[in-house]
Amino acid sequence: QVQLVESGGGLVQAGGSLRLSCAASGLTFSAYHMGWFRQILGKEREFVARINWTAAMTYYADSVKGRFTISRDNTKKTVYLQMNSLKPEDTAVYYCNARLNVVGGSEYWGQGTQVTVSS
């Protein structure tokens, strides 16, 4: 059974930092593109960042470029999101995503972790 378990969320003041982690199990982690999405209550889930299965490529939403960094450790089957210079508009539930590196490949989601940035 595939599981993605996020951790590291919490309450932080504007300008602060948090590091989210997503530990994967039940899948061949190194074969999956990994990503982070976020969702504000009442709004659609939006893309934040992605790292490809080889870790050679990373992609970011314009709203987080230069502030957030995605990375992965295949030996620990974990993907990270380092979030710096946090803003109140970064407040959301953050979800980890795993997508197999083939067309139409399987996709999985974590349960989410709340990030709240106070002004």
PDB file of N, CA and C in Angstrom:
ATOM      1  N   GLN A   1       0.843  -1.185   0.000  1.00  0.00           N
ATOM      2  CA  GLN A   1       0.000   0.000   0.000  1.00  0.00           C
ATOM      3  C   GLN A   1       0.884   1.242   0.000  1.00  0.00           C
ATOM      4  N   VAL A   2       0.600   2.142  -0.936  1.00  0.00           N
ATOM      5  CA  VAL A   2       1.391   3.362  -1.043  1.00  0.00           C
ATOM      6  C   VAL A   2       0.949   4.360   0.020  1.00  0.00           C
ATOM      7  N   GLN A   3       1.932   4.948   0.673  1.00  0.00           N
ATOM      8  CA  GLN A   3       1.648   6.006   1.647  1.00  0.00           C
ATOM      9  C   GLN A   3       2.610   7.161   1.430  1.00  0.00           C
ATOM     10  N   LEU A   4       2.062   8.362   1.471  1.00  0.00           N
ATOM     11  CA  LEU A   4       2.854   9.591   1.466  1.00  0.00           C
ATOM     12  C   LEU A   4       2.475  10.335   2.739  1.00  0.00           C
ATOM     13  N   VAL A   5       3.433  10.562   3.609  1.00  0.00           N
ATOM     14  CA  VAL A   5       3.153  11.184   4.899  1.00  0.00           C
ATOM     15  C   VAL A   5       3.926  12.488   5.017  1.00  0.00           C
ATOM     16  N   GLU A   6       3.169  13.583   5.034  1.00  0.00           N
ATOM     17  CA  GLU A   6       3.789  14.905   5.156  1.00  0.00           C
ATOM     18  C   GLU A   6       3.994  15.268   6.619  1.00  0.00           C
ATOM     19  N   SER A   7       4.993  16.083   6.859  1.00  0.00           N
ATOM     20  CA  SER A   7       5.243  16.626   8.193  1.00  0.00           C
ATOM     21  C   SER A   7       5.976  17.956   8.054  1.00  0.00           C
ATOM     22  N   GLY A   8       6.032  18.695   9.161  1.00  0.00           N
ATOM     23  CA  GLY A   8       6.792  19.938   9.166  1.00  0.00           C
ATOM     24  C   GLY A   8       5.960  21.192   9.082  1.00  0.00           C
ATOM     25  N   GLY A   9       4.658  21.040   8.908  1.00  0.00           N
ATOM     26  CA  GLY A   9       3.809  22.223   8.861  1.00  0.00           C
ATOM     27  C   GLY A   9       3.676  22.845  10.239  1.00  0.00           C
ATOM     28  N   GLY A  10       3.070  24.028  10.268  1.00  0.00           N
ATOM     29  CA  GLY A  10       2.881  24.698  11.543  1.00  0.00           C
ATOM     30  C   GLY A  10       2.583  26.163  11.366  1.00  0.00           C
ATOM     31  N   LEU A  11       2.721  26.887  12.461  1.00  0.00           N
ATOM     32  CA  LEU A  11       2.466  28.333  12.479  1.00  0.00           C
ATOM     33  C   LEU A  11       3.795  29.074  12.516  1.00  0.00           C
ATOM     34  N   VAL A  12       3.939  30.054  11.636  1.00  0.00           N
ATOM     35  CA  VAL A  12       5.182  30.821  11.562  1.00  0.00           C
ATOM     36  C   VAL A  12       4.833  32.271  11.231  1.00  0.00           C
ATOM     37  N   GLN A  13       5.668  33.178  11.679  1.00  0.00           N
ATOM     38  CA  GLN A  13       5.450  34.591  11.362  1.00  0.00           C
ATOM     39  C   GLN A  13       5.924  34.892   9.941  1.00  0.00           C
ATOM     40  N   ALA A  14       5.361  35.912   9.360  1.00  0.00           N
ATOM     41  CA  ALA A  14       5.784  36.348   8.030  1.00  0.00           C
ATOM     42  C   ALA A  14       7.291  36.627   8.041  1.00  0.00           C
ATOM     43  N   GLY A  15       7.947  36.164   6.979  1.00  0.00           N
ATOM     44  CA  GLY A  15       9.400  36.290   6.883  1.00  0.00           C
ATOM     45  C   GLY A  15      10.150  35.095   7.412  1.00  0.00           C
ATOM     46  N   GLY A  16       9.443  34.210   8.083  1.00  0.00           N
ATOM     47  CA  GLY A  16      10.060  33.025   8.655  1.00  0.00           C
ATOM     48  C   GLY A  16      10.204  31.899   7.657  1.00  0.00           C
ATOM     49  N   SER A  17      10.664  30.760   8.171  1.00  0.00           N
ATOM     50  CA  SER A  17      10.931  29.594   7.333  1.00  0.00           C
ATOM     51  C   SER A  17      10.321  28.334   7.933  1.00  0.00           C
ATOM     52  N   LEU A  18      10.008  27.404   7.061  1.00  0.00           N
ATOM     53  CA  LEU A  18       9.581  26.061   7.443  1.00  0.00           C
ATOM     54  C   LEU A  18      10.152  25.086   6.431  1.00  0.00           C
ATOM     55  N   ARG A  19      10.372  23.848   6.856  1.00  0.00           N
ATOM     56  CA  ARG A  19      10.749  22.797   5.929  1.00  0.00           C
ATOM     57  C   ARG A  19       9.746  21.664   6.039  1.00  0.00           C
ATOM     58  N   LEU A  20       9.081  21.408   4.939  1.00  0.00           N
ATOM     59  CA  LEU A  20       8.151  20.287   4.879  1.00  0.00           C
ATOM     60  C   LEU A  20       8.882  19.044   4.406  1.00  0.00           C
ATOM     61  N   SER A  21       8.448  17.909   4.927  1.00  0.00           N
ATOM     62  CA  SER A  21       8.981  16.617   4.500  1.00  0.00           C
ATOM     63  C   SER A  21       7.827  15.728   4.071  1.00  0.00           C
ATOM     64  N   CYS A  22       8.095  14.845   3.139  1.00  0.00           N
ATOM     65  CA  CYS A  22       7.107  13.860   2.708  1.00  0.00           C
ATOM     66  C   CYS A  22       7.824  12.523   2.587  1.00  0.00           C
ATOM     67  N   ALA A  23       7.483  11.611   3.482  1.00  0.00           N
ATOM     68  CA  ALA A  23       8.090  10.291   3.487  1.00  0.00           C
ATOM     69  C   ALA A  23       7.189   9.316   2.738  1.00  0.00           C
ATOM     70  N   ALA A  24       7.776   8.630   1.779  1.00  0.00           N
ATOM     71  CA  ALA A  24       7.024   7.706   0.935  1.00  0.00           C
ATOM     72  C   ALA A  24       7.315   6.260   1.311  1.00  0.00           C
ATOM     73  N   SER A  25       6.313   5.430   1.151  1.00  0.00           N
ATOM     74  CA  SER A  25       6.487   3.985   1.339  1.00  0.00           C
ATOM     75  C   SER A  25       5.553   3.252   0.393  1.00  0.00           C
ATOM     76  N   GLY A  26       5.914   2.013   0.084  1.00  0.00           N
ATOM     77  CA  GLY A  26       5.057   1.201  -0.765  1.00  0.00           C
ATOM     78  C   GLY A  26       5.218   1.462  -2.254  1.00  0.00           C
ATOM     79  N   LEU A  27       6.236   2.227  -2.645  1.00  0.00           N
ATOM     80  CA  LEU A  27       6.473   2.472  -4.060  1.00  0.00           C
ATOM     81  C   LEU A  27       7.975   2.575  -4.318  1.00  0.00           C
ATOM     82  N   THR A  28       8.336   2.450  -5.588  1.00  0.00           N
ATOM     83  CA  THR A  28       9.740   2.607  -5.985  1.00  0.00           C
ATOM     84  C   THR A  28      10.002   4.097  -6.121  1.00  0.00           C
ATOM     85  N   PHE A  29      10.395   4.693  -5.024  1.00  0.00           N
ATOM     86  CA  PHE A  29      10.453   6.153  -4.915  1.00  0.00           C
ATOM     87  C   PHE A  29      11.264   6.775  -6.042  1.00  0.00           C
ATOM     88  N   SER A  30      12.385   6.176  -6.385  1.00  0.00           N
ATOM     89  CA  SER A  30      13.281   6.768  -7.374  1.00  0.00           C
ATOM     90  C   SER A  30      12.687   6.800  -8.775  1.00  0.00           C
ATOM     91  N   ALA A  31      11.564   6.126  -8.986  1.00  0.00           N
ATOM     92  CA  ALA A  31      10.914   6.108 -10.299  1.00  0.00           C
ATOM     93  C   ALA A  31       9.810   7.150 -10.412  1.00  0.00           C
ATOM     94  N   TYR A  32       9.599   7.914  -9.367  1.00  0.00           N
ATOM     95  CA  TYR A  32       8.499   8.862  -9.326  1.00  0.00           C
ATOM     96  C   TYR A  32       8.975  10.303  -9.350  1.00  0.00           C
ATOM     97  N   HIS A  33       8.267  11.111 -10.166  1.00  0.00           N
ATOM     98  CA  HIS A  33       8.376  12.557 -10.024  1.00  0.00           C
ATOM     99  C   HIS A  33       7.665  12.913  -8.723  1.00  0.00           C
ATOM    100  N   MET A  34       8.226  13.846  -7.982  1.00  0.00           N
ATOM    101  CA  MET A  34       7.610  14.242  -6.718  1.00  0.00           C
ATOM    102  C   MET A  34       7.271  15.723  -6.753  1.00  0.00           C
ATOM    103  N   GLY A  35       6.151  16.060  -6.132  1.00  0.00           N
ATOM    104  CA  GLY A  35       5.739  17.454  -6.166  1.00  0.00           C
ATOM    105  C   GLY A  35       5.029  17.881  -4.903  1.00  0.00           C
ATOM    106  N   TRP A  36       4.875  19.177  -4.789  1.00  0.00           N
ATOM    107  CA  TRP A  36       4.107  19.796  -3.708  1.00  0.00           C
ATOM    108  C   TRP A  36       3.020  20.670  -4.324  1.00  0.00           C
ATOM    109  N   PHE A  37       1.839  20.556  -3.774  1.00  0.00           N
ATOM    110  CA  PHE A  37       0.707  21.377  -4.146  1.00  0.00           C
ATOM    111  C   PHE A  37       0.156  21.989  -2.856  1.00  0.00           C
ATOM    112  N   ARG A  38      -0.682  23.001  -3.008  1.00  0.00           N
ATOM    113  CA  ARG A  38      -1.320  23.585  -1.827  1.00  0.00           C
ATOM    114  C   ARG A  38      -2.752  23.961  -2.154  1.00  0.00           C
ATOM    115  N   GLN A  39      -3.529  24.032  -1.096  1.00  0.00           N
ATOM    116  CA  GLN A  39      -4.948  24.348  -1.267  1.00  0.00           C
ATOM    117  C   GLN A  39      -5.422  25.205  -0.120  1.00  0.00           C
ATOM    118  N   ILE A  40      -6.071  26.303  -0.491  1.00  0.00           N
ATOM    119  CA  ILE A  40      -6.727  27.169   0.468  1.00  0.00           C
ATOM    120  C   ILE A  40      -8.189  26.755   0.499  1.00  0.00           C
ATOM    121  N   LEU A  41      -8.778  26.791   1.681  1.00  0.00           N
ATOM    122  CA  LEU A  41     -10.175  26.371   1.829  1.00  0.00           C
ATOM    123  C   LEU A  41     -11.057  27.105   0.835  1.00  0.00           C
ATOM    124  N   GLY A  42     -11.822  26.340   0.073  1.00  0.00           N
ATOM    125  CA  GLY A  42     -12.744  26.943  -0.879  1.00  0.00           C
ATOM    126  C   GLY A  42     -12.149  27.221  -2.241  1.00  0.00           C
ATOM    127  N   LYS A  43     -10.855  26.934  -2.387  1.00  0.00           N
ATOM    128  CA  LYS A  43     -10.200  27.171  -3.673  1.00  0.00           C
ATOM    129  C   LYS A  43      -9.643  25.865  -4.214  1.00  0.00           C
ATOM    130  N   GLU A  44      -9.276  25.891  -5.489  1.00  0.00           N
ATOM    131  CA  GLU A  44      -8.711  24.693  -6.098  1.00  0.00           C
ATOM    132  C   GLU A  44      -7.269  24.476  -5.639  1.00  0.00           C
ATOM    133  N   ARG A  45      -6.875  23.216  -5.666  1.00  0.00           N
ATOM    134  CA  ARG A  45      -5.503  22.887  -5.334  1.00  0.00           C
ATOM    135  C   ARG A  45      -4.577  23.453  -6.421  1.00  0.00           C
ATOM    136  N   GLU A  46      -3.466  24.040  -6.000  1.00  0.00           N
ATOM    137  CA  GLU A  46      -2.553  24.645  -6.981  1.00  0.00           C
ATOM    138  C   GLU A  46      -1.154  24.071  -6.861  1.00  0.00           C
ATOM    139  N   PHE A  47      -0.475  24.062  -7.984  1.00  0.00           N
ATOM    140  CA  PHE A  47       0.892  23.566  -8.057  1.00  0.00           C
ATOM    141  C   PHE A  47       1.843  24.508  -7.329  1.00  0.00           C
ATOM    142  N   VAL A  48       2.794  23.933  -6.612  1.00  0.00           N
ATOM    143  CA  VAL A  48       3.821  24.720  -5.928  1.00  0.00           C
ATOM    144  C   VAL A  48       5.205  24.419  -6.502  1.00  0.00           C
ATOM    145  N   ALA A  49       5.573  23.142  -6.499  1.00  0.00           N
ATOM    146  CA  ALA A  49       6.920  22.777  -6.963  1.00  0.00           C
ATOM    147  C   ALA A  49       6.946  21.312  -7.350  1.00  0.00           C
ATOM    148  N   ARG A  50       7.892  20.965  -8.238  1.00  0.00           N
ATOM    149  CA  ARG A  50       8.065  19.572  -8.651  1.00  0.00           C
ATOM    150  C   ARG A  50       9.544  19.289  -8.874  1.00  0.00           C
ATOM    151  N   ILE A  51       9.928  18.067  -8.573  1.00  0.00           N
ATOM    152  CA  ILE A  51      11.282  17.606  -8.875  1.00  0.00           C
ATOM    153  C   ILE A  51      11.156  16.288  -9.631  1.00  0.00           C
ATOM    154  N   ASN A  52      11.891  16.166 -10.726  1.00  0.00           N
ATOM    155  CA  ASN A  52      11.695  14.966 -11.529  1.00  0.00           C
ATOM    156  C   ASN A  52      12.380  13.759 -10.884  1.00  0.00           C
ATOM    157  N   TRP A  53      12.170  12.594 -11.478  1.00  0.00           N
ATOM    158  CA  TRP A  53      12.579  11.353 -10.825  1.00  0.00           C
ATOM    159  C   TRP A  53      14.091  11.236 -10.686  1.00  0.00           C
ATOM    160  N   THR A  54      14.838  11.910 -11.575  1.00  0.00           N
ATOM    161  CA  THR A  54      16.296  11.857 -11.472  1.00  0.00           C
ATOM    162  C   THR A  54      16.857  12.985 -10.619  1.00  0.00           C
ATOM    163  N   ALA A  55      15.985  13.888 -10.187  1.00  0.00           N
ATOM    164  CA  ALA A  55      16.386  15.085  -9.437  1.00  0.00           C
ATOM    165  C   ALA A  55      17.163  16.075 -10.290  1.00  0.00           C
ATOM    166  N   ALA A  56      17.178  15.875 -11.595  1.00  0.00           N
ATOM    167  CA  ALA A  56      17.918  16.781 -12.472  1.00  0.00           C
ATOM    168  C   ALA A  56      17.135  18.042 -12.807  1.00  0.00           C
ATOM    169  N   MET A  57      15.812  17.973 -12.658  1.00  0.00           N
ATOM    170  CA  MET A  57      14.969  19.102 -13.051  1.00  0.00           C
ATOM    171  C   MET A  57      14.047  19.484 -11.898  1.00  0.00           C
ATOM    172  N   THR A  58      13.901  20.777 -11.693  1.00  0.00           N
ATOM    173  CA  THR A  58      12.938  21.283 -10.725  1.00  0.00           C
ATOM    174  C   THR A  58      12.092  22.367 -11.374  1.00  0.00           C
ATOM    175  N   TYR A  59      10.877  22.490 -10.900  1.00  0.00           N
ATOM    176  CA  TYR A  59       9.941  23.464 -11.438  1.00  0.00           C
ATOM    177  C   TYR A  59       9.221  24.121 -10.261  1.00  0.00           C
ATOM    178  N   TYR A  60       8.912  25.413 -10.433  1.00  0.00           N
ATOM    179  CA  TYR A  60       8.259  26.158  -9.365  1.00  0.00           C
ATOM    180  C   TYR A  60       7.148  27.038  -9.915  1.00  0.00           C
ATOM    181  N   ALA A  61       6.135  27.222  -9.102  1.00  0.00           N
ATOM    182  CA  ALA A  61       5.138  28.236  -9.413  1.00  0.00           C
ATOM    183  C   ALA A  61       5.797  29.606  -9.298  1.00  0.00           C
ATOM    184  N   ASP A  62       5.345  30.533 -10.121  1.00  0.00           N
ATOM    185  CA  ASP A  62       5.943  31.879 -10.091  1.00  0.00           C
ATOM    186  C   ASP A  62       5.849  32.507  -8.702  1.00  0.00           C
ATOM    187  N   SER A  63       4.783  32.189  -7.996  1.00  0.00           N
ATOM    188  CA  SER A  63       4.547  32.820  -6.690  1.00  0.00           C
ATOM    189  C   SER A  63       5.561  32.395  -5.625  1.00  0.00           C
ATOM    190  N   VAL A  64       6.292  31.303  -5.868  1.00  0.00           N
ATOM    191  CA  VAL A  64       7.232  30.821  -4.843  1.00  0.00           C
ATOM    192  C   VAL A  64       8.676  30.811  -5.330  1.00  0.00           C
ATOM    193  N   LYS A  65       8.892  31.128  -6.589  1.00  0.00           N
ATOM    194  CA  LYS A  65      10.262  31.114  -7.138  1.00  0.00           C
ATOM    195  C   LYS A  65      11.167  32.026  -6.338  1.00  0.00           C
ATOM    196  N   GLY A  66      12.348  31.520  -6.020  1.00  0.00           N
ATOM    197  CA  GLY A  66      13.311  32.299  -5.266  1.00  0.00           C
ATOM    198  C   GLY A  66      13.119  32.218  -3.764  1.00  0.00           C
ATOM    199  N   ARG A  67      12.007  31.667  -3.322  1.00  0.00           N
ATOM    200  CA  ARG A  67      11.734  31.545  -1.882  1.00  0.00           C
ATOM    201  C   ARG A  67      11.666  30.091  -1.436  1.00  0.00           C
ATOM    202  N   PHE A  68      11.157  29.212  -2.289  1.00  0.00           N
ATOM    203  CA  PHE A  68      10.991  27.802  -1.957  1.00  0.00           C
ATOM    204  C   PHE A  68      11.989  26.961  -2.736  1.00  0.00           C
ATOM    205  N   THR A  69      12.436  25.870  -2.124  1.00  0.00           N
ATOM    206  CA  THR A  69      13.348  24.937  -2.785  1.00  0.00           C
ATOM    207  C   THR A  69      12.878  23.513  -2.539  1.00  0.00           C
ATOM    208  N   ILE A  70      12.702  22.770  -3.619  1.00  0.00           N
ATOM    209  CA  ILE A  70      12.321  21.368  -3.509  1.00  0.00           C
ATOM    210  C   ILE A  70      13.566  20.504  -3.683  1.00  0.00           C
ATOM    211  N   SER A  71      13.636  19.437  -2.920  1.00  0.00           N
ATOM    212  CA  SER A  71      14.769  18.502  -3.035  1.00  0.00           C
ATOM    213  C   SER A  71      14.269  17.108  -2.654  1.00  0.00           C
ATOM    214  N   ARG A  72      15.088  16.113  -2.956  1.00  0.00           N
ATOM    215  CA  ARG A  72      14.694  14.744  -2.631  1.00  0.00           C
ATOM    216  C   ARG A  72      15.917  13.944  -2.193  1.00  0.00           C
ATOM    217  N   ASP A  73      15.655  12.953  -1.354  1.00  0.00           N
ATOM    218  CA  ASP A  73      16.682  12.012  -0.915  1.00  0.00           C
ATOM    219  C   ASP A  73      16.139  10.618  -1.210  1.00  0.00           C
ATOM    220  N   ASN A  74      16.623  10.020  -2.277  1.00  0.00           N
ATOM    221  CA  ASN A  74      16.083   8.719  -2.683  1.00  0.00           C
ATOM    222  C   ASN A  74      16.430   7.618  -1.693  1.00  0.00           C
ATOM    223  N   THR A  75      17.536   7.776  -0.964  1.00  0.00           N
ATOM    224  CA  THR A  75      17.894   6.746   0.016  1.00  0.00           C
ATOM    225  C   THR A  75      16.914   6.753   1.191  1.00  0.00           C
ATOM    226  N   LYS A  76      16.355   7.918   1.473  1.00  0.00           N
ATOM    227  CA  LYS A  76      15.382   8.031   2.568  1.00  0.00           C
ATOM    228  C   LYS A  76      13.946   8.026   2.060  1.00  0.00           C
ATOM    229  N   LYS A  77      13.779   7.965   0.737  1.00  0.00           N
ATOM    230  CA  LYS A  77      12.443   7.995   0.131  1.00  0.00           C
ATOM    231  C   LYS A  77      11.656   9.213   0.632  1.00  0.00           C
ATOM    232  N   THR A  78      12.302  10.337   0.618  1.00  0.00           N
ATOM    233  CA  THR A  78      11.708  11.552   1.171  1.00  0.00           C
ATOM    234  C   THR A  78      11.928  12.725   0.226  1.00  0.00           C
ATOM    235  N   VAL A  79      10.895  13.543   0.095  1.00  0.00           N
ATOM    236  CA  VAL A  79      11.006  14.795  -0.644  1.00  0.00           C
ATOM    237  C   VAL A  79      10.792  15.936   0.340  1.00  0.00           C
ATOM    238  N   TYR A  80      11.491  17.030   0.114  1.00  0.00           N
ATOM    239  CA  TYR A  80      11.450  18.168   1.020  1.00  0.00           C
ATOM    240  C   TYR A  80      11.005  19.425   0.291  1.00  0.00           C
ATOM    241  N   LEU A  81      10.449  20.340   1.046  1.00  0.00           N
ATOM    242  CA  LEU A  81      10.154  21.676   0.527  1.00  0.00           C
ATOM    243  C   LEU A  81      10.639  22.674   1.566  1.00  0.00           C
ATOM    244  N   GLN A  82      11.740  23.327   1.247  1.00  0.00           N
ATOM    245  CA  GLN A  82      12.253  24.384   2.106  1.00  0.00           C
ATOM    246  C   GLN A  82      11.567  25.683   1.722  1.00  0.00           C
ATOM    247  N   MET A  83      10.894  26.282   2.685  1.00  0.00           N
ATOM    248  CA  MET A  83      10.125  27.491   2.428  1.00  0.00           C
ATOM    249  C   MET A  83      10.712  28.637   3.244  1.00  0.00           C
ATOM    250  N   ASN A  84      11.232  29.620   2.539  1.00  0.00           N
ATOM    251  CA  ASN A  84      11.818  30.800   3.186  1.00  0.00           C
ATOM    252  C   ASN A  84      11.010  32.039   2.846  1.00  0.00           C
ATOM    253  N   SER A  85      11.240  33.084   3.601  1.00  0.00           N
ATOM    254  CA  SER A  85      10.553  34.370   3.368  1.00  0.00           C
ATOM    255  C   SER A  85       9.054  34.162   3.212  1.00  0.00           C
ATOM    256  N   LEU A  86       8.487  33.438   4.121  1.00  0.00           N
ATOM    257  CA  LEU A  86       7.075  33.091   4.025  1.00  0.00           C
ATOM    258  C   LEU A  86       6.190  34.332   4.142  1.00  0.00           C
ATOM    259  N   LYS A  87       5.080  34.277   3.408  1.00  0.00           N
ATOM    260  CA  LYS A  87       4.107  35.373   3.383  1.00  0.00           C
ATOM    261  C   LYS A  87       2.754  34.847   3.860  1.00  0.00           C
ATOM    262  N   PRO A  88       1.907  35.731   4.355  1.00  0.00           N
ATOM    263  CA  PRO A  88       0.569  35.272   4.770  1.00  0.00           C
ATOM    264  C   PRO A  88      -0.179  34.550   3.648  1.00  0.00           C
ATOM    265  N   GLU A  89       0.059  34.948   2.410  1.00  0.00           N
ATOM    266  CA  GLU A  89      -0.630  34.288   1.290  1.00  0.00           C
ATOM    267  C   GLU A  89      -0.109  32.878   1.008  1.00  0.00           C
ATOM    268  N   ASP A  90       0.940  32.466   1.688  1.00  0.00           N
ATOM    269  CA  ASP A  90       1.389  31.084   1.581  1.00  0.00           C
ATOM    270  C   ASP A  90       0.597  30.148   2.499  1.00  0.00           C
ATOM    271  N   THR A  91      -0.265  30.717   3.321  1.00  0.00           N
ATOM    272  CA  THR A  91      -1.083  29.914   4.214  1.00  0.00           C
ATOM    273  C   THR A  91      -1.987  28.981   3.417  1.00  0.00           C
ATOM    274  N   ALA A  92      -1.885  27.685   3.706  1.00  0.00           N
ATOM    275  CA  ALA A  92      -2.647  26.677   2.965  1.00  0.00           C
ATOM    276  C   ALA A  92      -2.358  25.304   3.559  1.00  0.00           C
ATOM    277  N   VAL A  93      -3.098  24.335   3.088  1.00  0.00           N
ATOM    278  CA  VAL A  93      -2.734  22.943   3.346  1.00  0.00           C
ATOM    279  C   VAL A  93      -1.827  22.499   2.203  1.00  0.00           C
ATOM    280  N   TYR A  94      -0.685  21.958   2.545  1.00  0.00           N
ATOM    281  CA  TYR A  94       0.299  21.542   1.550  1.00  0.00           C
ATOM    282  C   TYR A  94       0.250  20.023   1.387  1.00  0.00           C
ATOM    283  N   TYR A  95       0.172  19.594   0.130  1.00  0.00           N
ATOM    284  CA  TYR A  95       0.041  18.185  -0.191  1.00  0.00           C
ATOM    285  C   TYR A  95       1.251  17.701  -0.982  1.00  0.00           C
ATOM    286  N   CYS A  96       1.693  16.530  -0.646  1.00  0.00           N
ATOM    287  CA  CYS A  96       2.754  15.853  -1.381  1.00  0.00           C
ATOM    288  C   CYS A  96       2.124  15.017  -2.504  1.00  0.00           C
ATOM    289  N   ASN A  97       2.783  14.978  -3.639  1.00  0.00           N
ATOM    290  CA  ASN A  97       2.280  14.246  -4.808  1.00  0.00           C
ATOM    291  C   ASN A  97       3.388  13.390  -5.395  1.00  0.00           C
ATOM    292  N   ALA A  98       3.047  12.178  -5.770  1.00  0.00           N
ATOM    293  CA  ALA A  98       3.987  11.285  -6.445  1.00  0.00           C
ATOM    294  C   ALA A  98       3.371  10.841  -7.765  1.00  0.00           C
ATOM    295  N   ARG A  99       4.128  10.964  -8.851  1.00  0.00           N
ATOM    296  CA  ARG A  99       3.621  10.570 -10.169  1.00  0.00           C
ATOM    297  C   ARG A  99       4.692   9.757 -10.881  1.00  0.00           C
ATOM    298  N   LEU A 100       4.305   8.544 -11.287  1.00  0.00           N
ATOM    299  CA  LEU A 100       5.249   7.651 -11.954  1.00  0.00           C
ATOM    300  C   LEU A 100       5.749   8.283 -13.243  1.00  0.00           C
ATOM    301  N   ASN A 101       7.013   8.069 -13.581  1.00  0.00           N
ATOM    302  CA  ASN A 101       7.650   8.756 -14.692  1.00  0.00           C
ATOM    303  C   ASN A 101       7.374   8.119 -16.052  1.00  0.00           C
ATOM    304  N   VAL A 102       6.122   7.709 -16.279  1.00  0.00           N
ATOM    305  CA  VAL A 102       5.702   7.220 -17.590  1.00  0.00           C
ATOM    306  C   VAL A 102       4.358   7.845 -17.910  1.00  0.00           C
ATOM    307  N   VAL A 103       4.034   7.960 -19.179  1.00  0.00           N
ATOM    308  CA  VAL A 103       2.753   8.543 -19.567  1.00  0.00           C
ATOM    309  C   VAL A 103       1.624   7.690 -18.999  1.00  0.00           C
ATOM    310  N   GLY A 104       0.698   8.357 -18.325  1.00  0.00           N
ATOM    311  CA  GLY A 104      -0.423   7.650 -17.740  1.00  0.00           C
ATOM    312  C   GLY A 104      -0.090   6.862 -16.501  1.00  0.00           C
ATOM    313  N   GLY A 105       1.070   7.143 -15.943  1.00  0.00           N
ATOM    314  CA  GLY A 105       1.501   6.403 -14.761  1.00  0.00           C
ATOM    315  C   GLY A 105       0.670   6.719 -13.530  1.00  0.00           C
ATOM    316  N   SER A 106       0.792   5.880 -12.540  1.00  0.00           N
ATOM    317  CA  SER A 106       0.012   6.042 -11.319  1.00  0.00           C
ATOM    318  C   SER A 106       0.413   7.315 -10.573  1.00  0.00           C
ATOM    319  N   GLU A 107      -0.526   7.802  -9.792  1.00  0.00           N
ATOM    320  CA  GLU A 107      -0.336   9.049  -9.055  1.00  0.00           C
ATOM    321  C   GLU A 107      -0.916   8.890  -7.653  1.00  0.00           C
ATOM    322  N   TYR A 108      -0.222   9.472  -6.687  1.00  0.00           N
ATOM    323  CA  TYR A 108      -0.645   9.356  -5.299  1.00  0.00           C
ATOM    324  C   TYR A 108      -0.532  10.705  -4.602  1.00  0.00           C
ATOM    325  N   TRP A 109      -1.351  10.840  -3.537  1.00  0.00           N
ATOM    326  CA  TRP A 109      -1.362  12.073  -2.745  1.00  0.00           C
ATOM    327  C   TRP A 109      -1.204  11.755  -1.270  1.00  0.00           C
ATOM    328  N   GLY A 110      -0.579  12.688  -0.569  1.00  0.00           N
ATOM    329  CA  GLY A 110      -0.539  12.599   0.879  1.00  0.00           C
ATOM    330  C   GLY A 110      -1.797  13.195   1.479  1.00  0.00           C
ATOM    331  N   GLN A 111      -1.848  13.197   2.811  1.00  0.00           N
ATOM    332  CA  GLN A 111      -3.047  13.675   3.497  1.00  0.00           C
ATOM    333  C   GLN A 111      -3.007  15.180   3.750  1.00  0.00           C
ATOM    334  N   GLY A 112      -1.846  15.788   3.570  1.00  0.00           N
ATOM    335  CA  GLY A 112      -1.720  17.226   3.720  1.00  0.00           C
ATOM    336  C   GLY A 112      -1.205  17.655   5.081  1.00  0.00           C
ATOM    337  N   THR A 113      -0.540  18.802   5.093  1.00  0.00           N
ATOM    338  CA  THR A 113      -0.069  19.397   6.339  1.00  0.00           C
ATOM    339  C   THR A 113      -0.353  20.896   6.290  1.00  0.00           C
ATOM    340  N   GLN A 114      -0.856  21.420   7.387  1.00  0.00           N
ATOM    341  CA  GLN A 114      -1.266  22.830   7.417  1.00  0.00           C
ATOM    342  C   GLN A 114      -0.062  23.736   7.651  1.00  0.00           C
ATOM    343  N   VAL A 115       0.021  24.766   6.835  1.00  0.00           N
ATOM    344  CA  VAL A 115       1.008  25.832   7.020  1.00  0.00           C
ATOM    345  C   VAL A 115       0.244  27.133   7.210  1.00  0.00           C
ATOM    346  N   THR A 116       0.506  27.814   8.312  1.00  0.00           N
ATOM    347  CA  THR A 116      -0.150  29.079   8.596  1.00  0.00           C
ATOM    348  C   THR A 116       0.917  30.143   8.833  1.00  0.00           C
ATOM    349  N   VAL A 117       0.832  31.218   8.061  1.00  0.00           N
ATOM    350  CA  VAL A 117       1.792  32.311   8.169  1.00  0.00           C
ATOM    351  C   VAL A 117       1.051  33.540   8.685  1.00  0.00           C
ATOM    352  N   SER A 118       1.456  34.005   9.849  1.00  0.00           N
ATOM    353  CA  SER A 118       0.795  35.161  10.450  1.00  0.00           C
ATOM    354  C   SER A 118       1.504  36.445  10.054  1.00  0.00           C
ATOM    355  N   SER A 119       0.722  37.500   9.947  1.00  0.00           N
ATOM    356  CA  SER A 119       1.298  38.794   9.530  1.00  0.00           C
ATOM    357  C   SER A 119       1.759  39.605  10.730  1.00  0.00           C
TER     358      SER A 119
END
